[in-house]
Amino acid sequence: MSAACCPTPPADSGYRKVLWIALAVNAAMFFVEIAASATSGSAALAADAVDFAGDAGNYALSLAALAVGGLWVSRAALAKGLAMAAYGIGVVAFAGWRLWLGAPPEPITMGVVGTIALAANLGVAWLLYAYRNGDANMRAVWLCTRNDAISNLAVLAAAAGVFGSGSVWPDVAVAAIMAGLALRSATEVIQHARVELDASGQRNFT
């Protein structure tokens, strides 16, 4: 996730349809991973859920840019960035709590849900593949989705590490890295939105 993942898409109906599918998939996977994180005790799954939530917001902003555009997109981006930052901090706190408890998460659930998440991102990447050589914004969307698949592989690696070692550390380490990336992306989104709103003289909060 990054500020570059908040594009204004072209008015291509096929591309818009793909964005709607991507939005639905990412929103659904957010809820799946949040539930799996709660049942398995995995901080890495919670961190990956942040990524899905952020991407769902990015796709929604892309679609909103087609419908309304202008300052409303910047305001929505600012709110999304603040929410991402708050949730990223929450993941760090959750990872710290799991580390303090010392109990490893349930690796089978991590592996199964991580595999489903990987399949979801690969499916979205396949849909976006046809647009990878479009303008910079279109390429940014595809690259972001492709990179998300790498995050899913990190979750699977954490599951394997927990399974092999019986330790909480692989899960916490992956969660900390992913939460750090989410916080950096949130900072970029917030800064970019504030610049746009400041330039218009219509920033209403923060």
C-alpha atoms as a PDB file:
ATOM      1  CA  MET A   1       0.000   0.000   0.000  1.00  0.00           C
ATOM      2  CA  SER A   2       1.174   3.500  -0.741  1.00  0.00           C
ATOM      3  CA  ALA A   3      -0.054   6.885  -1.811  1.00  0.00           C
ATOM      4  CA  ALA A   4       0.556   5.779  -5.385  1.00  0.00           C
ATOM      5  CA  CYS A   5      -2.163   3.169  -4.902  1.00  0.00           C
ATOM      6  CA  CYS A   6      -4.888   5.824  -4.857  1.00  0.00           C
ATOM      7  CA  PRO A   7      -5.318   6.411  -8.589  1.00  0.00           C
ATOM      8  CA  THR A   8      -7.897   8.197 -10.647  1.00  0.00           C
ATOM      9  CA  PRO A   9      -8.931   5.499 -13.094  1.00  0.00           C
ATOM     10  CA  PRO A  10      -9.757   6.007 -16.741  1.00  0.00           C
ATOM     11  CA  ALA A  11     -13.390   5.979 -17.875  1.00  0.00           C
ATOM     12  CA  ASP A  12     -13.011   2.483 -19.315  1.00  0.00           C
ATOM     13  CA  SER A  13     -16.080   0.427 -18.355  1.00  0.00           C
ATOM     14  CA  GLY A  14     -14.085  -2.813 -18.258  1.00  0.00           C
ATOM     15  CA  TYR A  15     -11.560  -1.283 -15.894  1.00  0.00           C
ATOM     16  CA  ARG A  16     -14.330   0.054 -13.678  1.00  0.00           C
ATOM     17  CA  LYS A  17     -15.874  -3.411 -13.513  1.00  0.00           C
ATOM     18  CA  VAL A  18     -12.520  -4.879 -12.447  1.00  0.00           C
ATOM     19  CA  LEU A  19     -12.194  -2.210  -9.739  1.00  0.00           C
ATOM     20  CA  TRP A  20     -15.632  -3.124  -8.378  1.00  0.00           C
ATOM     21  CA  ILE A  21     -14.647  -6.796  -8.238  1.00  0.00           C
ATOM     22  CA  ALA A  22     -11.357  -5.913  -6.554  1.00  0.00           C
ATOM     23  CA  LEU A  23     -13.198  -3.762  -4.016  1.00  0.00           C
ATOM     24  CA  ALA A  24     -15.607  -6.584  -3.155  1.00  0.00           C
ATOM     25  CA  VAL A  25     -12.829  -9.178  -2.856  1.00  0.00           C
ATOM     26  CA  ASN A  26     -10.651  -6.991  -0.630  1.00  0.00           C
ATOM     27  CA  ALA A  27     -13.546  -5.962   1.620  1.00  0.00           C
ATOM     28  CA  ALA A  28     -14.618  -9.598   2.025  1.00  0.00           C
ATOM     29  CA  MET A  29     -11.073 -10.736   2.799  1.00  0.00           C
ATOM     30  CA  PHE A  30     -10.739  -8.018   5.433  1.00  0.00           C
ATOM     31  CA  PHE A  31     -13.615  -9.530   7.396  1.00  0.00           C
ATOM     32  CA  VAL A  32     -12.383 -13.090   6.804  1.00  0.00           C
ATOM     33  CA  GLU A  33      -8.905 -12.292   8.124  1.00  0.00           C
ATOM     34  CA  ILE A  34     -10.170 -10.268  11.086  1.00  0.00           C
ATOM     35  CA  ALA A  35     -12.331 -13.223  12.127  1.00  0.00           C
ATOM     36  CA  ALA A  36      -9.464 -15.667  11.560  1.00  0.00           C
ATOM     37  CA  SER A  37      -7.092 -13.462  13.539  1.00  0.00           C
ATOM     38  CA  ALA A  38      -9.515 -13.400  16.458  1.00  0.00           C
ATOM     39  CA  THR A  39      -9.962 -17.176  16.469  1.00  0.00           C
ATOM     40  CA  SER A  40      -6.314 -18.118  15.847  1.00  0.00           C
ATOM     41  CA  GLY A  41      -4.641 -15.350  17.829  1.00  0.00           C
ATOM     42  CA  SER A  42      -2.475 -14.405  14.830  1.00  0.00           C
ATOM     43  CA  ALA A  43      -1.125 -10.863  14.710  1.00  0.00           C
ATOM     44  CA  ALA A  44       0.164 -11.472  11.167  1.00  0.00           C
ATOM     45  CA  LEU A  45      -3.372 -12.149   9.944  1.00  0.00           C
ATOM     46  CA  ALA A  46      -4.538  -8.970  11.664  1.00  0.00           C
ATOM     47  CA  ALA A  47      -1.799  -7.025   9.876  1.00  0.00           C
ATOM     48  CA  ASP A  48      -2.734  -8.556   6.533  1.00  0.00           C
ATOM     49  CA  ALA A  49      -6.347  -7.591   7.204  1.00  0.00           C
ATOM     50  CA  VAL A  50      -5.143  -3.965   7.481  1.00  0.00           C
ATOM     51  CA  ASP A  51      -3.670  -4.338   4.019  1.00  0.00           C
ATOM     52  CA  PHE A  52      -6.946  -5.642   2.607  1.00  0.00           C
ATOM     53  CA  ALA A  53      -8.866  -2.800   4.267  1.00  0.00           C
ATOM     54  CA  GLY A  54      -6.462  -0.219   2.858  1.00  0.00           C
ATOM     55  CA  ASP A  55      -6.702  -1.686  -0.627  1.00  0.00           C
ATOM     56  CA  ALA A  56     -10.496  -1.763  -0.461  1.00  0.00           C
ATOM     57  CA  GLY A  57     -10.362   1.931   0.414  1.00  0.00           C
ATOM     58  CA  ASN A  58      -8.027   2.583  -2.501  1.00  0.00           C
ATOM     59  CA  TYR A  59     -10.368   0.898  -4.972  1.00  0.00           C
ATOM     60  CA  ALA A  60     -13.332   2.793  -3.508  1.00  0.00           C
ATOM     61  CA  LEU A  61     -11.468   6.082  -3.925  1.00  0.00           C
ATOM     62  CA  SER A  62     -10.657   5.179  -7.514  1.00  0.00           C
ATOM     63  CA  LEU A  63     -14.326   4.591  -8.237  1.00  0.00           C
ATOM     64  CA  ALA A  64     -15.351   7.736  -6.341  1.00  0.00           C
ATOM     65  CA  ALA A  65     -12.978   9.754  -8.496  1.00  0.00           C
ATOM     66  CA  LEU A  66     -15.034   8.716 -11.513  1.00  0.00           C
ATOM     67  CA  ALA A  67     -18.312   9.641  -9.839  1.00  0.00           C
ATOM     68  CA  VAL A  68     -17.595  12.874  -7.977  1.00  0.00           C
ATOM     69  CA  GLY A  69     -13.875  13.648  -8.095  1.00  0.00           C
ATOM     70  CA  GLY A  70     -12.525  16.863  -6.677  1.00  0.00           C
ATOM     71  CA  LEU A  71     -12.061  17.580  -2.989  1.00  0.00           C
ATOM     72  CA  TRP A  72     -14.345  14.810  -1.759  1.00  0.00           C
ATOM     73  CA  VAL A  73     -11.778  12.267  -2.898  1.00  0.00           C
ATOM     74  CA  SER A  74      -9.047  14.105  -0.980  1.00  0.00           C
ATOM     75  CA  ARG A  75     -11.214  14.279   2.140  1.00  0.00           C
ATOM     76  CA  ALA A  76     -12.014  10.594   1.900  1.00  0.00           C
ATOM     77  CA  ALA A  77      -8.326   9.823   1.427  1.00  0.00           C
ATOM     78  CA  LEU A  78      -7.471  11.818   4.555  1.00  0.00           C
ATOM     79  CA  ALA A  79     -10.085   9.940   6.595  1.00  0.00           C
ATOM     80  CA  LYS A  80      -8.845   6.626   5.192  1.00  0.00           C
ATOM     81  CA  GLY A  81      -5.246   7.486   6.042  1.00  0.00           C
ATOM     82  CA  LEU A  82      -6.172   8.340   9.632  1.00  0.00           C
ATOM     83  CA  ALA A  83      -8.128   5.087   9.945  1.00  0.00           C
ATOM     84  CA  MET A  84      -5.200   3.107   8.515  1.00  0.00           C
ATOM     85  CA  ALA A  85      -2.824   4.729  10.999  1.00  0.00           C
ATOM     86  CA  ALA A  86      -5.098   3.981  13.935  1.00  0.00           C
ATOM     87  CA  TYR A  87      -5.549   0.387  12.857  1.00  0.00           C
ATOM     88  CA  GLY A  88      -1.808  -0.044  12.236  1.00  0.00           C
ATOM     89  CA  ILE A  89      -1.100   1.143  15.789  1.00  0.00           C
ATOM     90  CA  GLY A  90      -3.736  -1.297  16.995  1.00  0.00           C
ATOM     91  CA  VAL A  91      -1.964  -4.172  15.213  1.00  0.00           C
ATOM     92  CA  VAL A  92       1.337  -3.213  16.835  1.00  0.00           C
ATOM     93  CA  ALA A  93      -0.387  -3.204  20.242  1.00  0.00           C
ATOM     94  CA  PHE A  94      -2.016  -6.571  19.491  1.00  0.00           C
ATOM     95  CA  ALA A  95       1.333  -8.050  18.445  1.00  0.00           C
ATOM     96  CA  GLY A  96       2.908  -6.755  21.658  1.00  0.00           C
ATOM     97  CA  TRP A  97       0.103  -8.295  23.692  1.00  0.00           C
ATOM     98  CA  ARG A  98       0.509 -11.659  21.943  1.00  0.00           C
ATOM     99  CA  LEU A  99       4.243 -11.500  22.583  1.00  0.00           C
ATOM    100  CA  TRP A 100       3.636 -10.754  26.262  1.00  0.00           C
ATOM    101  CA  LEU A 101       1.259 -13.732  26.518  1.00  0.00           C
ATOM    102  CA  GLY A 102       3.880 -15.899  24.833  1.00  0.00           C
ATOM    103  CA  ALA A 103       1.285 -18.301  23.412  1.00  0.00           C
ATOM    104  CA  PRO A 104       1.796 -19.070  19.711  1.00  0.00           C
ATOM    105  CA  PRO A 105      -1.171 -18.663  17.352  1.00  0.00           C
ATOM    106  CA  GLU A 106      -2.906 -21.598  15.711  1.00  0.00           C
ATOM    107  CA  PRO A 107      -0.783 -22.214  12.582  1.00  0.00           C
ATOM    108  CA  ILE A 108      -3.286 -24.333  10.615  1.00  0.00           C
ATOM    109  CA  THR A 109      -5.836 -21.508  10.552  1.00  0.00           C
ATOM    110  CA  MET A 110      -3.051 -19.092   9.608  1.00  0.00           C
ATOM    111  CA  GLY A 111      -1.986 -21.325   6.725  1.00  0.00           C
ATOM    112  CA  VAL A 112      -5.481 -21.976   5.390  1.00  0.00           C
ATOM    113  CA  VAL A 113      -6.610 -18.341   5.541  1.00  0.00           C
ATOM    114  CA  GLY A 114      -3.240 -17.130   4.251  1.00  0.00           C
ATOM    115  CA  THR A 115      -3.632 -19.429   1.246  1.00  0.00           C
ATOM    116  CA  ILE A 116      -7.152 -18.114   0.598  1.00  0.00           C
ATOM    117  CA  ALA A 117      -5.838 -14.542   0.829  1.00  0.00           C
ATOM    118  CA  LEU A 118      -3.037 -15.352  -1.615  1.00  0.00           C
ATOM    119  CA  ALA A 119      -5.539 -16.842  -4.066  1.00  0.00           C
ATOM    120  CA  ALA A 120      -7.745 -13.737  -3.718  1.00  0.00           C
ATOM    121  CA  ASN A 121      -4.881 -11.356  -4.480  1.00  0.00           C
ATOM    122  CA  LEU A 122      -3.615 -13.483  -7.357  1.00  0.00           C
ATOM    123  CA  GLY A 123      -7.122 -13.491  -8.819  1.00  0.00           C
ATOM    124  CA  VAL A 124      -7.370  -9.691  -8.603  1.00  0.00           C
ATOM    125  CA  ALA A 125      -3.849  -9.348 -10.048  1.00  0.00           C
ATOM    126  CA  TRP A 126      -4.879 -11.562 -12.963  1.00  0.00           C
ATOM    127  CA  LEU A 127      -7.893  -9.324 -13.656  1.00  0.00           C
ATOM    128  CA  LEU A 128      -5.688  -6.218 -13.522  1.00  0.00           C
ATOM    129  CA  TYR A 129      -2.904  -7.764 -15.616  1.00  0.00           C
ATOM    130  CA  ALA A 130      -4.459  -6.558 -18.873  1.00  0.00           C
ATOM    131  CA  TYR A 131      -4.139  -2.957 -17.626  1.00  0.00           C
ATOM    132  CA  ARG A 132      -0.551  -3.209 -16.341  1.00  0.00           C
ATOM    133  CA  ASN A 133       0.852  -1.265 -19.293  1.00  0.00           C
ATOM    134  CA  GLY A 134      -1.669   1.567 -19.141  1.00  0.00           C
ATOM    135  CA  ASP A 135      -0.958   4.947 -17.618  1.00  0.00           C
ATOM    136  CA  ALA A 136       1.020   5.384 -14.397  1.00  0.00           C
ATOM    137  CA  ASN A 137      -2.069   5.141 -12.208  1.00  0.00           C
ATOM    138  CA  MET A 138      -3.262   1.918 -13.805  1.00  0.00           C
ATOM    139  CA  ARG A 139       0.181   0.384 -13.426  1.00  0.00           C
ATOM    140  CA  ALA A 140       0.326   1.497  -9.791  1.00  0.00           C
ATOM    141  CA  VAL A 141      -2.916  -0.361  -9.026  1.00  0.00           C
ATOM    142  CA  TRP A 142      -1.592  -3.554 -10.595  1.00  0.00           C
ATOM    143  CA  LEU A 143       1.776  -3.301  -8.852  1.00  0.00           C
ATOM    144  CA  CYS A 144       0.095  -2.740  -5.482  1.00  0.00           C
ATOM    145  CA  THR A 145      -2.012  -5.861  -5.939  1.00  0.00           C
ATOM    146  CA  ARG A 146       0.992  -7.869  -7.051  1.00  0.00           C
ATOM    147  CA  ASN A 147       2.932  -6.715  -3.989  1.00  0.00           C
ATOM    148  CA  ASP A 148       0.026  -7.713  -1.753  1.00  0.00           C
ATOM    149  CA  ALA A 149       0.556 -11.298  -2.842  1.00  0.00           C
ATOM    150  CA  ILE A 150       4.067 -11.030  -1.407  1.00  0.00           C
ATOM    151  CA  SER A 151       2.521 -10.033   1.936  1.00  0.00           C
ATOM    152  CA  ASN A 152       0.362 -13.147   1.800  1.00  0.00           C
ATOM    153  CA  LEU A 153       3.485 -15.244   1.291  1.00  0.00           C
ATOM    154  CA  ALA A 154       4.923 -13.591   4.413  1.00  0.00           C
ATOM    155  CA  VAL A 155       1.854 -14.716   6.382  1.00  0.00           C
ATOM    156  CA  LEU A 156       2.326 -18.259   5.091  1.00  0.00           C
ATOM    157  CA  ALA A 157       5.991 -18.100   6.106  1.00  0.00           C
ATOM    158  CA  ALA A 158       4.918 -16.968   9.578  1.00  0.00           C
ATOM    159  CA  ALA A 159       2.482 -19.893   9.781  1.00  0.00           C
ATOM    160  CA  ALA A 160       5.235 -22.310   8.801  1.00  0.00           C
ATOM    161  CA  GLY A 161       7.573 -20.726  11.337  1.00  0.00           C
ATOM    162  CA  VAL A 162       5.019 -21.018  14.131  1.00  0.00           C
ATOM    163  CA  PHE A 163       4.241 -24.616  13.146  1.00  0.00           C
ATOM    164  CA  GLY A 164       7.905 -25.591  13.051  1.00  0.00           C
ATOM    165  CA  SER A 165       9.087 -23.740  16.144  1.00  0.00           C
ATOM    166  CA  GLY A 166       6.016 -23.647  18.355  1.00  0.00           C
ATOM    167  CA  SER A 167       6.979 -20.035  19.057  1.00  0.00           C
ATOM    168  CA  VAL A 168       5.015 -16.796  18.812  1.00  0.00           C
ATOM    169  CA  TRP A 169       8.006 -14.947  17.364  1.00  0.00           C
ATOM    170  CA  PRO A 170       7.519 -15.664  13.609  1.00  0.00           C
ATOM    171  CA  ASP A 171       3.943 -14.369  13.821  1.00  0.00           C
ATOM    172  CA  VAL A 172       4.896 -11.266  15.791  1.00  0.00           C
ATOM    173  CA  ALA A 173       7.852 -10.468  13.534  1.00  0.00           C
ATOM    174  CA  VAL A 174       5.779 -10.622  10.337  1.00  0.00           C
ATOM    175  CA  ALA A 175       2.984  -8.603  11.974  1.00  0.00           C
ATOM    176  CA  ALA A 176       5.428  -5.900  13.075  1.00  0.00           C
ATOM    177  CA  ILE A 177       6.911  -5.579   9.582  1.00  0.00           C
ATOM    178  CA  MET A 178       3.503  -5.431   7.902  1.00  0.00           C
ATOM    179  CA  ALA A 179       2.114  -2.978  10.464  1.00  0.00           C
ATOM    180  CA  GLY A 180       5.155  -0.761   9.908  1.00  0.00           C
ATOM    181  CA  LEU A 181       4.505  -0.754   6.169  1.00  0.00           C
ATOM    182  CA  ALA A 182       0.834   0.072   6.803  1.00  0.00           C
ATOM    183  CA  LEU A 183       1.794   3.002   9.047  1.00  0.00           C
ATOM    184  CA  ARG A 184       4.220   4.310   6.435  1.00  0.00           C
ATOM    185  CA  SER A 185       1.525   4.074   3.770  1.00  0.00           C
ATOM    186  CA  ALA A 186      -0.952   5.827   6.067  1.00  0.00           C
ATOM    187  CA  THR A 187       1.532   8.664   6.554  1.00  0.00           C
ATOM    188  CA  GLU A 188       1.965   9.030   2.793  1.00  0.00           C
ATOM    189  CA  VAL A 189      -1.787   9.050   2.187  1.00  0.00           C
ATOM    190  CA  ILE A 190      -2.412  11.616   4.952  1.00  0.00           C
ATOM    191  CA  GLN A 191       0.376  13.903   3.747  1.00  0.00           C
ATOM    192  CA  HIS A 192      -0.772  13.711   0.139  1.00  0.00           C
ATOM    193  CA  ALA A 193      -4.395  14.442   1.078  1.00  0.00           C
ATOM    194  CA  ARG A 194      -3.415  17.358   3.303  1.00  0.00           C
ATOM    195  CA  VAL A 195      -1.337  18.914   0.527  1.00  0.00           C
ATOM    196  CA  GLU A 196      -4.316  18.725  -1.825  1.00  0.00           C
ATOM    197  CA  LEU A 197      -6.716  20.149   0.760  1.00  0.00           C
ATOM    198  CA  ASP A 198      -4.292  22.882   1.827  1.00  0.00           C
ATOM    199  CA  ALA A 199      -3.836  23.883  -1.787  1.00  0.00           C
ATOM    200  CA  SER A 200      -7.581  24.317  -2.086  1.00  0.00           C
ATOM    201  CA  GLY A 201      -7.910  26.104   1.242  1.00  0.00           C
ATOM    202  CA  GLN A 202     -10.649  23.690   2.300  1.00  0.00           C
ATOM    203  CA  ARG A 203      -8.996  21.314   4.775  1.00  0.00           C
ATOM    204  CA  ASN A 204     -11.548  20.836   7.535  1.00  0.00           C
ATOM    205  CA  PHE A 205      -9.704  18.668  10.049  1.00  0.00           C
ATOM    206  CA  THR A 206      -6.240  17.663  11.364  1.00  0.00           C
END
